[in-house]
Each structure stands twice: as C-alpha cells, then as structure tokens.
Amino acid sequence: MDLEEVKGNLKNFINSDGKLTAIPAKRKLQVMAISFLAEKFEKGKEYTEKEVGEIINANTVFEDAATIRRGLIAYKFMTRDDYCKNYRLLEKEPDIDKMY
C-alpha cells in the first residue's frame, strides 16, 4: 500500500495541515497511522529518543509520542538499541496489508 492510499484511508484522522489528529481505534487504521508517521523519518539515519518524539509531535496534534514510538517498534517500522536510546527506521518496510 503506498503513502497516498494510506492517506486516503486516514482522511478522517489527518487535518488540513497534514497532521495526525488521533490514534484510530481499529487496528487496520492504527497500522496505517503508524506507517504514515514512519514516512517522516529518513532511512539510514539514527535518532535519539528525544528526536523521535520531536518528529512525532511535529506531525500530530496530540502529544502521545510514547505510544506512537512503541507502535513504530511493535509494527517493525523502526528498531532501537537495547538501552532504548538510539532508533533507526528499518530499511525494509513491513507489509502493512499482512498486519490486519
């Protein structure tokens, strides 16, 4: 599923500024919301927990970076080190169509 398809499915959760307005209740839409936010990170770049939170907060209208950060890890969009200090977007994106 490409980014435009994801955005189309999330139209009720993305405002006119392109920010996520809520975490959807349905798992399918949750995965899409996490995928939408994963697109805000660069592949190959390492991020601190603080930087991840700043990027998430810059792209949402609510402040719940911890939940989104956990989703990025749980749904295999990102990986982190054993100390939860360094985060990196995975080179291979998960197949979100197989997640629900």
PDB file of N, CA and C in Angstrom:
ATOM      1  N   MET A   1       0.856  -1.172   0.000  1.00  0.00           N
ATOM      2  CA  MET A   1       0.000   0.000   0.000  1.00  0.00           C
ATOM      3  C   MET A   1       0.904   1.238   0.000  1.00  0.00           C
ATOM      4  N   ASP A   2       0.663   2.153  -0.920  1.00  0.00           N
ATOM      5  CA  ASP A   2       1.517   3.337  -0.994  1.00  0.00           C
ATOM      6  C   ASP A   2       0.993   4.450  -0.084  1.00  0.00           C
ATOM      7  N   LEU A   3       1.816   5.487   0.072  1.00  0.00           N
ATOM      8  CA  LEU A   3       1.502   6.567   1.005  1.00  0.00           C
ATOM      9  C   LEU A   3       0.187   7.270   0.669  1.00  0.00           C
ATOM     10  N   GLU A   4      -0.100   7.475  -0.597  1.00  0.00           N
ATOM     11  CA  GLU A   4      -1.343   8.154  -0.978  1.00  0.00           C
ATOM     12  C   GLU A   4      -2.569   7.319  -0.601  1.00  0.00           C
ATOM     13  N   GLU A   5      -2.452   6.002  -0.744  1.00  0.00           N
ATOM     14  CA  GLU A   5      -3.533   5.106  -0.344  1.00  0.00           C
ATOM     15  C   GLU A   5      -3.744   5.161   1.172  1.00  0.00           C
ATOM     16  N   VAL A   6      -2.636   5.175   1.901  1.00  0.00           N
ATOM     17  CA  VAL A   6      -2.695   5.274   3.360  1.00  0.00           C
ATOM     18  C   VAL A   6      -3.374   6.580   3.762  1.00  0.00           C
ATOM     19  N   LYS A   7      -2.945   7.680   3.152  1.00  0.00           N
ATOM     20  CA  LYS A   7      -3.550   8.985   3.463  1.00  0.00           C
ATOM     21  C   LYS A   7      -5.043   8.991   3.173  1.00  0.00           C
ATOM     22  N   GLY A   8      -5.432   8.358   2.074  1.00  0.00           N
ATOM     23  CA  GLY A   8      -6.850   8.278   1.722  1.00  0.00           C
ATOM     24  C   GLY A   8      -7.652   7.547   2.782  1.00  0.00           C
ATOM     25  N   ASN A   9      -7.101   6.462   3.278  1.00  0.00           N
ATOM     26  CA  ASN A   9      -7.783   5.694   4.326  1.00  0.00           C
ATOM     27  C   ASN A   9      -7.816   6.431   5.656  1.00  0.00           C
ATOM     28  N   LEU A  10      -6.873   7.333   5.851  1.00  0.00           N
ATOM     29  CA  LEU A  10      -6.778   8.085   7.112  1.00  0.00           C
ATOM     30  C   LEU A  10      -7.374   9.485   7.019  1.00  0.00           C
ATOM     31  N   LYS A  11      -8.131   9.755   5.954  1.00  0.00           N
ATOM     32  CA  LYS A  11      -8.616  11.122   5.728  1.00  0.00           C
ATOM     33  C   LYS A  11      -9.360  11.715   6.923  1.00  0.00           C
ATOM     34  N   ASN A  12     -10.018  10.877   7.704  1.00  0.00           N
ATOM     35  CA  ASN A  12     -10.732  11.377   8.880  1.00  0.00           C
ATOM     36  C   ASN A  12      -9.809  11.613  10.074  1.00  0.00           C
ATOM     37  N   PHE A  13      -8.540  11.250   9.927  1.00  0.00           N
ATOM     38  CA  PHE A  13      -7.580  11.367  11.026  1.00  0.00           C
ATOM     39  C   PHE A  13      -6.411  12.293  10.698  1.00  0.00           C
ATOM     40  N   ILE A  14      -6.444  12.923   9.528  1.00  0.00           N
ATOM     41  CA  ILE A  14      -5.383  13.847   9.127  1.00  0.00           C
ATOM     42  C   ILE A  14      -6.029  15.197   8.847  1.00  0.00           C
ATOM     43  N   ASN A  15      -5.514  16.235   9.506  1.00  0.00           N
ATOM     44  CA  ASN A  15      -6.113  17.561   9.323  1.00  0.00           C
ATOM     45  C   ASN A  15      -5.553  18.259   8.088  1.00  0.00           C
ATOM     46  N   SER A  16      -5.991  19.476   7.850  1.00  0.00           N
ATOM     47  CA  SER A  16      -5.579  20.231   6.652  1.00  0.00           C
ATOM     48  C   SER A  16      -4.097  20.580   6.659  1.00  0.00           C
ATOM     49  N   ASP A  17      -3.462  20.519   7.826  1.00  0.00           N
ATOM     50  CA  ASP A  17      -2.019  20.759   7.927  1.00  0.00           C
ATOM     51  C   ASP A  17      -1.213  19.487   7.700  1.00  0.00           C
ATOM     52  N   GLY A  18      -1.902  18.364   7.453  1.00  0.00           N
ATOM     53  CA  GLY A  18      -1.223  17.097   7.224  1.00  0.00           C
ATOM     54  C   GLY A  18      -0.767  16.410   8.496  1.00  0.00           C
ATOM     55  N   LYS A  19      -1.396  16.777   9.623  1.00  0.00           N
ATOM     56  CA  LYS A  19      -1.030  16.177  10.912  1.00  0.00           C
ATOM     57  C   LYS A  19      -2.068  15.160  11.345  1.00  0.00           C
ATOM     58  N   LEU A  20      -1.594  14.119  11.985  1.00  0.00           N
ATOM     59  CA  LEU A  20      -2.475  13.092  12.530  1.00  0.00           C
ATOM     60  C   LEU A  20      -3.214  13.687  13.725  1.00  0.00           C
ATOM     61  N   THR A  21      -4.541  13.538  13.741  1.00  0.00           N
ATOM     62  CA  THR A  21      -5.350  14.157  14.798  1.00  0.00           C
ATOM     63  C   THR A  21      -5.688  13.210  15.941  1.00  0.00           C
ATOM     64  N   ALA A  22      -5.574  11.906  15.712  1.00  0.00           N
ATOM     65  CA  ALA A  22      -5.887  10.910  16.742  1.00  0.00           C
ATOM     66  C   ALA A  22      -5.314   9.566  16.327  1.00  0.00           C
ATOM     67  N   ILE A  23      -5.180   8.691  17.294  1.00  0.00           N
ATOM     68  CA  ILE A  23      -4.796   7.318  17.005  1.00  0.00           C
ATOM     69  C   ILE A  23      -6.095   6.546  16.780  1.00  0.00           C
ATOM     70  N   PRO A  24      -6.302   6.014  15.587  1.00  0.00           N
ATOM     71  CA  PRO A  24      -7.552   5.293  15.314  1.00  0.00           C
ATOM     72  C   PRO A  24      -7.745   4.097  16.243  1.00  0.00           C
ATOM     73  N   ALA A  25      -8.986   3.739  16.490  1.00  0.00           N
ATOM     74  CA  ALA A  25      -9.297   2.602  17.360  1.00  0.00           C
ATOM     75  C   ALA A  25      -9.121   1.269  16.643  1.00  0.00           C
ATOM     76  N   LYS A  26      -9.449   1.221  15.353  1.00  0.00           N
ATOM     77  CA  LYS A  26      -9.336  -0.024  14.602  1.00  0.00           C
ATOM     78  C   LYS A  26      -7.884  -0.323  14.267  1.00  0.00           C
ATOM     79  N   ARG A  27      -7.497  -1.573  14.459  1.00  0.00           N
ATOM     80  CA  ARG A  27      -6.100  -1.987  14.248  1.00  0.00           C
ATOM     81  C   ARG A  27      -5.614  -1.642  12.839  1.00  0.00           C
ATOM     82  N   LYS A  28      -6.420  -1.909  11.831  1.00  0.00           N
ATOM     83  CA  LYS A  28      -6.024  -1.628  10.445  1.00  0.00           C
ATOM     84  C   LYS A  28      -5.631  -0.163  10.285  1.00  0.00           C
ATOM     85  N   LEU A  29      -6.437   0.731  10.821  1.00  0.00           N
ATOM     86  CA  LEU A  29      -6.148   2.161  10.712  1.00  0.00           C
ATOM     87  C   LEU A  29      -4.995   2.571  11.624  1.00  0.00           C
ATOM     88  N   GLN A  30      -4.843   1.893  12.765  1.00  0.00           N
ATOM     89  CA  GLN A  30      -3.689   2.171  13.635  1.00  0.00           C
ATOM     90  C   GLN A  30      -2.391   1.893  12.892  1.00  0.00           C
ATOM     91  N   VAL A  31      -2.335   0.750  12.227  1.00  0.00           N
ATOM     92  CA  VAL A  31      -1.142   0.379  11.471  1.00  0.00           C
ATOM     93  C   VAL A  31      -0.879   1.411  10.370  1.00  0.00           C
ATOM     94  N   MET A  32      -1.923   1.851   9.710  1.00  0.00           N
ATOM     95  CA  MET A  32      -1.774   2.863   8.668  1.00  0.00           C
ATOM     96  C   MET A  32      -1.279   4.184   9.250  1.00  0.00           C
ATOM     97  N   ALA A  33      -1.784   4.554  10.423  1.00  0.00           N
ATOM     98  CA  ALA A  33      -1.349   5.793  11.077  1.00  0.00           C
ATOM     99  C   ALA A  33       0.133   5.709  11.439  1.00  0.00           C
ATOM    100  N   ILE A  34       0.569   4.561  11.940  1.00  0.00           N
ATOM    101  CA  ILE A  34       1.983   4.377  12.275  1.00  0.00           C
ATOM    102  C   ILE A  34       2.815   4.433  10.996  1.00  0.00           C
ATOM    103  N   SER A  35       2.320   3.815   9.928  1.00  0.00           N
ATOM    104  CA  SER A  35       3.006   3.847   8.632  1.00  0.00           C
ATOM    105  C   SER A  35       3.134   5.286   8.125  1.00  0.00           C
ATOM    106  N   PHE A  36       2.065   6.047   8.257  1.00  0.00           N
ATOM    107  CA  PHE A  36       2.059   7.459   7.851  1.00  0.00           C
ATOM    108  C   PHE A  36       3.155   8.225   8.590  1.00  0.00           C
ATOM    109  N   LEU A  37       3.278   7.988   9.890  1.00  0.00           N
ATOM    110  CA  LEU A  37       4.296   8.689  10.682  1.00  0.00           C
ATOM    111  C   LEU A  37       5.701   8.152  10.412  1.00  0.00           C
ATOM    112  N   ALA A  38       5.816   6.877  10.083  1.00  0.00           N
ATOM    113  CA  ALA A  38       7.135   6.307   9.761  1.00  0.00           C
ATOM    114  C   ALA A  38       7.737   6.997   8.544  1.00  0.00           C
ATOM    115  N   GLU A  39       6.886   7.484   7.651  1.00  0.00           N
ATOM    116  CA  GLU A  39       7.355   8.180   6.449  1.00  0.00           C
ATOM    117  C   GLU A  39       8.069   9.498   6.781  1.00  0.00           C
ATOM    118  N   LYS A  40       7.940   9.971   7.980  1.00  0.00           N
ATOM    119  CA  LYS A  40       8.556  11.235   8.388  1.00  0.00           C
ATOM    120  C   LYS A  40      10.034  11.066   8.774  1.00  0.00           C
ATOM    121  N   PHE A  41      10.497   9.819   8.824  1.00  0.00           N
ATOM    122  CA  PHE A  41      11.876   9.524   9.214  1.00  0.00           C
ATOM    123  C   PHE A  41      12.700   9.142   7.991  1.00  0.00           C
ATOM    124  N   GLU A  42      14.003   9.405   8.063  1.00  0.00           N
ATOM    125  CA  GLU A  42      14.911   9.066   6.972  1.00  0.00           C
ATOM    126  C   GLU A  42      15.521   7.690   7.196  1.00  0.00           C
ATOM    127  N   LYS A  43      15.569   6.906   6.134  1.00  0.00           N
ATOM    128  CA  LYS A  43      16.225   5.602   6.227  1.00  0.00           C
ATOM    129  C   LYS A  43      17.724   5.816   6.375  1.00  0.00           C
ATOM    130  N   GLY A  44      18.339   4.990   7.207  1.00  0.00           N
ATOM    131  CA  GLY A  44      19.781   5.049   7.398  1.00  0.00           C
ATOM    132  C   GLY A  44      20.230   6.050   8.445  1.00  0.00           C
ATOM    133  N   LYS A  45      19.327   6.865   8.922  1.00  0.00           N
ATOM    134  CA  LYS A  45      19.675   7.860   9.936  1.00  0.00           C
ATOM    135  C   LYS A  45      19.339   7.323  11.324  1.00  0.00           C
ATOM    136  N   GLU A  46      20.219   7.593  12.273  1.00  0.00           N
ATOM    137  CA  GLU A  46      19.971   7.181  13.660  1.00  0.00           C
ATOM    138  C   GLU A  46      19.387   8.362  14.423  1.00  0.00           C
ATOM    139  N   TYR A  47      18.374   8.075  15.234  1.00  0.00           N
ATOM    140  CA  TYR A  47      17.681   9.104  16.004  1.00  0.00           C
ATOM    141  C   TYR A  47      17.765   8.790  17.491  1.00  0.00           C
ATOM    142  N   THR A  48      17.823   9.835  18.288  1.00  0.00           N
ATOM    143  CA  THR A  48      17.702   9.651  19.735  1.00  0.00           C
ATOM    144  C   THR A  48      16.219   9.555  20.061  1.00  0.00           C
ATOM    145  N   GLU A  49      15.909   9.094  21.257  1.00  0.00           N
ATOM    146  CA  GLU A  49      14.509   9.020  21.680  1.00  0.00           C
ATOM    147  C   GLU A  49      13.870  10.410  21.635  1.00  0.00           C
ATOM    148  N   LYS A  50      14.614  11.410  22.030  1.00  0.00           N
ATOM    149  CA  LYS A  50      14.105  12.781  22.016  1.00  0.00           C
ATOM    150  C   LYS A  50      13.779  13.229  20.587  1.00  0.00           C
ATOM    151  N   GLU A  51      14.665  12.934  19.640  1.00  0.00           N
ATOM    152  CA  GLU A  51      14.424  13.313  18.246  1.00  0.00           C
ATOM    153  C   GLU A  51      13.194  12.599  17.680  1.00  0.00           C
ATOM    154  N   VAL A  52      13.037  11.332  18.010  1.00  0.00           N
ATOM    155  CA  VAL A  52      11.861  10.588  17.557  1.00  0.00           C
ATOM    156  C   VAL A  52      10.603  11.259  18.096  1.00  0.00           C
ATOM    157  N   GLY A  53      10.608  11.595  19.374  1.00  0.00           N
ATOM    158  CA  GLY A  53       9.465  12.279  19.982  1.00  0.00           C
ATOM    159  C   GLY A  53       9.166  13.622  19.334  1.00  0.00           C
ATOM    160  N   GLU A  54      10.208  14.369  19.011  1.00  0.00           N
ATOM    161  CA  GLU A  54      10.022  15.675  18.375  1.00  0.00           C
ATOM    162  C   GLU A  54       9.392  15.538  16.990  1.00  0.00           C
ATOM    163  N   ILE A  55       9.839  14.548  16.223  1.00  0.00           N
ATOM    164  CA  ILE A  55       9.276  14.327  14.891  1.00  0.00           C
ATOM    165  C   ILE A  55       7.826  13.881  14.992  1.00  0.00           C
ATOM    166  N   ILE A  56       7.552  12.984  15.922  1.00  0.00           N
ATOM    167  CA  ILE A  56       6.159  12.536  16.126  1.00  0.00           C
ATOM    168  C   ILE A  56       5.282  13.714  16.531  1.00  0.00           C
ATOM    169  N   ASN A  57       5.721  14.490  17.509  1.00  0.00           N
ATOM    170  CA  ASN A  57       4.913  15.621  17.984  1.00  0.00           C
ATOM    171  C   ASN A  57       4.724  16.695  16.916  1.00  0.00           C
ATOM    172  N   ALA A  58       5.697  16.845  16.024  1.00  0.00           N
ATOM    173  CA  ALA A  58       5.579  17.823  14.943  1.00  0.00           C
ATOM    174  C   ALA A  58       4.559  17.378  13.891  1.00  0.00           C
ATOM    175  N   ASN A  59       4.224  16.093  13.881  1.00  0.00           N
ATOM    176  CA  ASN A  59       3.321  15.557  12.868  1.00  0.00           C
ATOM    177  C   ASN A  59       2.007  15.031  13.436  1.00  0.00           C
ATOM    178  N   THR A  60       1.723  15.385  14.683  1.00  0.00           N
ATOM    179  CA  THR A  60       0.453  15.035  15.319  1.00  0.00           C
ATOM    180  C   THR A  60      -0.071  16.267  16.050  1.00  0.00           C
ATOM    181  N   VAL A  61      -1.373  16.285  16.317  1.00  0.00           N
ATOM    182  CA  VAL A  61      -1.939  17.406  17.077  1.00  0.00           C
ATOM    183  C   VAL A  61      -2.112  17.035  18.545  1.00  0.00           C
ATOM    184  N   PHE A  62      -1.793  15.821  18.889  1.00  0.00           N
ATOM    185  CA  PHE A  62      -1.866  15.363  20.277  1.00  0.00           C
ATOM    186  C   PHE A  62      -0.446  14.994  20.704  1.00  0.00           C
ATOM    187  N   GLU A  63      -0.196  14.989  21.980  1.00  0.00           N
ATOM    188  CA  GLU A  63       1.145  14.655  22.456  1.00  0.00           C
ATOM    189  C   GLU A  63       1.130  13.303  23.149  1.00  0.00           C
ATOM    190  N   ASP A  64       1.384  12.285  22.361  1.00  0.00           N
ATOM    191  CA  ASP A  64       1.492  10.927  22.892  1.00  0.00           C
ATOM    192  C   ASP A  64       2.590  10.208  22.119  1.00  0.00           C
ATOM    193  N   ALA A  65       3.762  10.820  22.108  1.00  0.00           N
ATOM    194  CA  ALA A  65       4.884  10.276  21.347  1.00  0.00           C
ATOM    195  C   ALA A  65       5.259   8.876  21.814  1.00  0.00           C
ATOM    196  N   ALA A  66       5.098   8.588  23.097  1.00  0.00           N
ATOM    197  CA  ALA A  66       5.484   7.268  23.628  1.00  0.00           C
ATOM    198  C   ALA A  66       4.653   6.157  22.975  1.00  0.00           C
ATOM    199  N   THR A  67       3.361   6.362  22.830  1.00  0.00           N
ATOM    200  CA  THR A  67       2.508   5.347  22.208  1.00  0.00           C
ATOM    201  C   THR A  67       2.887   5.138  20.750  1.00  0.00           C
ATOM    202  N   ILE A  68       3.111   6.220  20.041  1.00  0.00           N
ATOM    203  CA  ILE A  68       3.495   6.123  18.630  1.00  0.00           C
ATOM    204  C   ILE A  68       4.870   5.462  18.510  1.00  0.00           C
ATOM    205  N   ARG A  69       5.789   5.856  19.360  1.00  0.00           N
ATOM    206  CA  ARG A  69       7.143   5.277  19.339  1.00  0.00           C
ATOM    207  C   ARG A  69       7.085   3.765  19.568  1.00  0.00           C
ATOM    208  N   ARG A  70       6.282   3.345  20.523  1.00  0.00           N
ATOM    209  CA  ARG A  70       6.108   1.908  20.771  1.00  0.00           C
ATOM    210  C   ARG A  70       5.491   1.221  19.551  1.00  0.00           C
ATOM    211  N   GLY A  71       4.561   1.880  18.900  1.00  0.00           N
ATOM    212  CA  GLY A  71       3.950   1.327  17.691  1.00  0.00           C
ATOM    213  C   GLY A  71       4.944   1.187  16.554  1.00  0.00           C
ATOM    214  N   LEU A  72       5.823   2.171  16.412  1.00  0.00           N
ATOM    215  CA  LEU A  72       6.858   2.091  15.374  1.00  0.00           C
ATOM    216  C   LEU A  72       7.749   0.871  15.570  1.00  0.00           C
ATOM    217  N   ILE A  73       8.019   0.537  16.825  1.00  0.00           N
ATOM    218  CA  ILE A  73       8.838  -0.642  17.145  1.00  0.00           C
ATOM    219  C   ILE A  73       7.997  -1.915  17.005  1.00  0.00           C
ATOM    220  N   ALA A  74       6.828  -1.933  17.591  1.00  0.00           N
ATOM    221  CA  ALA A  74       5.985  -3.132  17.597  1.00  0.00           C
ATOM    222  C   ALA A  74       5.590  -3.576  16.189  1.00  0.00           C
ATOM    223  N   TYR A  75       5.297  -2.619  15.316  1.00  0.00           N
ATOM    224  CA  TYR A  75       4.885  -2.952  13.957  1.00  0.00           C
ATOM    225  C   TYR A  75       6.075  -3.063  12.995  1.00  0.00           C
ATOM    226  N   LYS A  76       7.282  -3.005  13.537  1.00  0.00           N
ATOM    227  CA  LYS A  76       8.528  -3.253  12.786  1.00  0.00           C
ATOM    228  C   LYS A  76       8.842  -2.196  11.721  1.00  0.00           C
ATOM    229  N   PHE A  77       8.494  -0.939  12.025  1.00  0.00           N
ATOM    230  CA  PHE A  77       8.912   0.153  11.166  1.00  0.00           C
ATOM    231  C   PHE A  77      10.288   0.660  11.599  1.00  0.00           C
ATOM    232  N   MET A  78      10.552   0.573  12.904  1.00  0.00           N
ATOM    233  CA  MET A  78      11.822   1.036  13.458  1.00  0.00           C
ATOM    234  C   MET A  78      12.411  -0.039  14.369  1.00  0.00           C
ATOM    235  N   THR A  79      13.681   0.126  14.643  1.00  0.00           N
ATOM    236  CA  THR A  79      14.360  -0.701  15.621  1.00  0.00           C
ATOM    237  C   THR A  79      15.034   0.239  16.608  1.00  0.00           C
ATOM    238  N   ARG A  80      15.370  -0.280  17.775  1.00  0.00           N
ATOM    239  CA  ARG A  80      16.083   0.537  18.758  1.00  0.00           C
ATOM    240  C   ARG A  80      17.128  -0.337  19.427  1.00  0.00           C
ATOM    241  N   ASP A  81      18.096   0.317  20.040  1.00  0.00           N
ATOM    242  CA  ASP A  81      19.132  -0.456  20.726  1.00  0.00           C
ATOM    243  C   ASP A  81      18.598  -0.979  22.054  1.00  0.00           C
ATOM    244  N   ASP A  82      19.378  -1.808  22.697  1.00  0.00           N
ATOM    245  CA  ASP A  82      18.950  -2.439  23.955  1.00  0.00           C
ATOM    246  C   ASP A  82      18.696  -1.441  25.073  1.00  0.00           C
ATOM    247  N   TYR A  83      19.229  -0.250  24.958  1.00  0.00           N
ATOM    248  CA  TYR A  83      19.077   0.768  26.002  1.00  0.00           C
ATOM    249  C   TYR A  83      17.988   1.781  25.671  1.00  0.00           C
ATOM    250  N   CYS A  84      17.309   1.567  24.533  1.00  0.00           N
ATOM    251  CA  CYS A  84      16.221   2.452  24.074  1.00  0.00           C
ATOM    252  C   CYS A  84      16.692   3.890  23.892  1.00  0.00           C
ATOM    253  N   LYS A  85      17.937   4.048  23.500  1.00  0.00           N
ATOM    254  CA  LYS A  85      18.482   5.386  23.296  1.00  0.00           C
ATOM    255  C   LYS A  85      18.598   5.752  21.824  1.00  0.00           C
ATOM    256  N   ASN A  86      18.845   4.780  20.962  1.00  0.00           N
ATOM    257  CA  ASN A  86      19.034   5.040  19.534  1.00  0.00           C
ATOM    258  C   ASN A  86      18.014   4.274  18.708  1.00  0.00           C
ATOM    259  N   TYR A  87      17.368   4.994  17.818  1.00  0.00           N
ATOM    260  CA  TYR A  87      16.309   4.442  16.978  1.00  0.00           C
ATOM    261  C   TYR A  87      16.713   4.594  15.521  1.00  0.00           C
ATOM    262  N   ARG A  88      16.267   3.640  14.700  1.00  0.00           N
ATOM    263  CA  ARG A  88      16.576   3.671  13.285  1.00  0.00           C
ATOM    264  C   ARG A  88      15.404   3.066  12.512  1.00  0.00           C
ATOM    265  N   LEU A  89      15.022   3.744  11.430  1.00  0.00           N
ATOM    266  CA  LEU A  89      13.991   3.226  10.543  1.00  0.00           C
ATOM    267  C   LEU A  89      14.562   2.001   9.843  1.00  0.00           C
ATOM    268  N   LEU A  90      13.800   0.926   9.790  1.00  0.00           N
ATOM    269  CA  LEU A  90      14.276  -0.281   9.123  1.00  0.00           C
ATOM    270  C   LEU A  90      14.315  -0.061   7.615  1.00  0.00           C
ATOM    271  N   GLU A  91      15.317  -0.632   6.977  1.00  0.00           N
ATOM    272  CA  GLU A  91      15.475  -0.475   5.527  1.00  0.00           C
ATOM    273  C   GLU A  91      14.286  -1.066   4.771  1.00  0.00           C
ATOM    274  N   LYS A  92      13.813  -2.212   5.204  1.00  0.00           N
ATOM    275  CA  LYS A  92      12.699  -2.872   4.547  1.00  0.00           C
ATOM    276  C   LYS A  92      11.421  -2.566   5.320  1.00  0.00           C
ATOM    277  N   GLU A  93      10.506  -1.905   4.664  1.00  0.00           N
ATOM    278  CA  GLU A  93       9.231  -1.573   5.303  1.00  0.00           C
ATOM    279  C   GLU A  93       8.390  -2.835   5.454  1.00  0.00           C
ATOM    280  N   PRO A  94       7.693  -2.958   6.572  1.00  0.00           N
ATOM    281  CA  PRO A  94       6.810  -4.113   6.734  1.00  0.00           C
ATOM    282  C   PRO A  94       5.645  -4.052   5.758  1.00  0.00           C
ATOM    283  N   ASP A  95       5.105  -5.180   5.413  1.00  0.00           N
ATOM    284  CA  ASP A  95       3.940  -5.246   4.538  1.00  0.00           C
ATOM    285  C   ASP A  95       2.702  -5.015   5.400  1.00  0.00           C
ATOM    286  N   ILE A  96       2.201  -3.782   5.384  1.00  0.00           N
ATOM    287  CA  ILE A  96       1.082  -3.454   6.274  1.00  0.00           C
ATOM    288  C   ILE A  96      -0.194  -4.191   5.901  1.00  0.00           C
ATOM    289  N   ASP A  97      -0.307  -4.643   4.661  1.00  0.00           N
ATOM    290  CA  ASP A  97      -1.503  -5.394   4.267  1.00  0.00           C
ATOM    291  C   ASP A  97      -1.602  -6.728   4.997  1.00  0.00           C
ATOM    292  N   LYS A  98      -0.473  -7.251   5.492  1.00  0.00           N
ATOM    293  CA  LYS A  98      -0.462  -8.527   6.198  1.00  0.00           C
ATOM    294  C   LYS A  98      -0.596  -8.373   7.709  1.00  0.00           C
ATOM    295  N   MET A  99      -0.713  -7.150   8.189  1.00  0.00           N
ATOM    296  CA  MET A  99      -0.748  -6.900   9.632  1.00  0.00           C
ATOM    297  C   MET A  99      -2.144  -6.940  10.229  1.00  0.00           C
ATOM    298  N   TYR A 100      -3.176  -6.994   9.434  1.00  0.00           N
ATOM    299  CA  TYR A 100      -4.532  -6.978   9.980  1.00  0.00           C
ATOM    300  C   TYR A 100      -5.391  -8.008   9.338  1.00  0.00           C
TER     301      TYR A 100
END
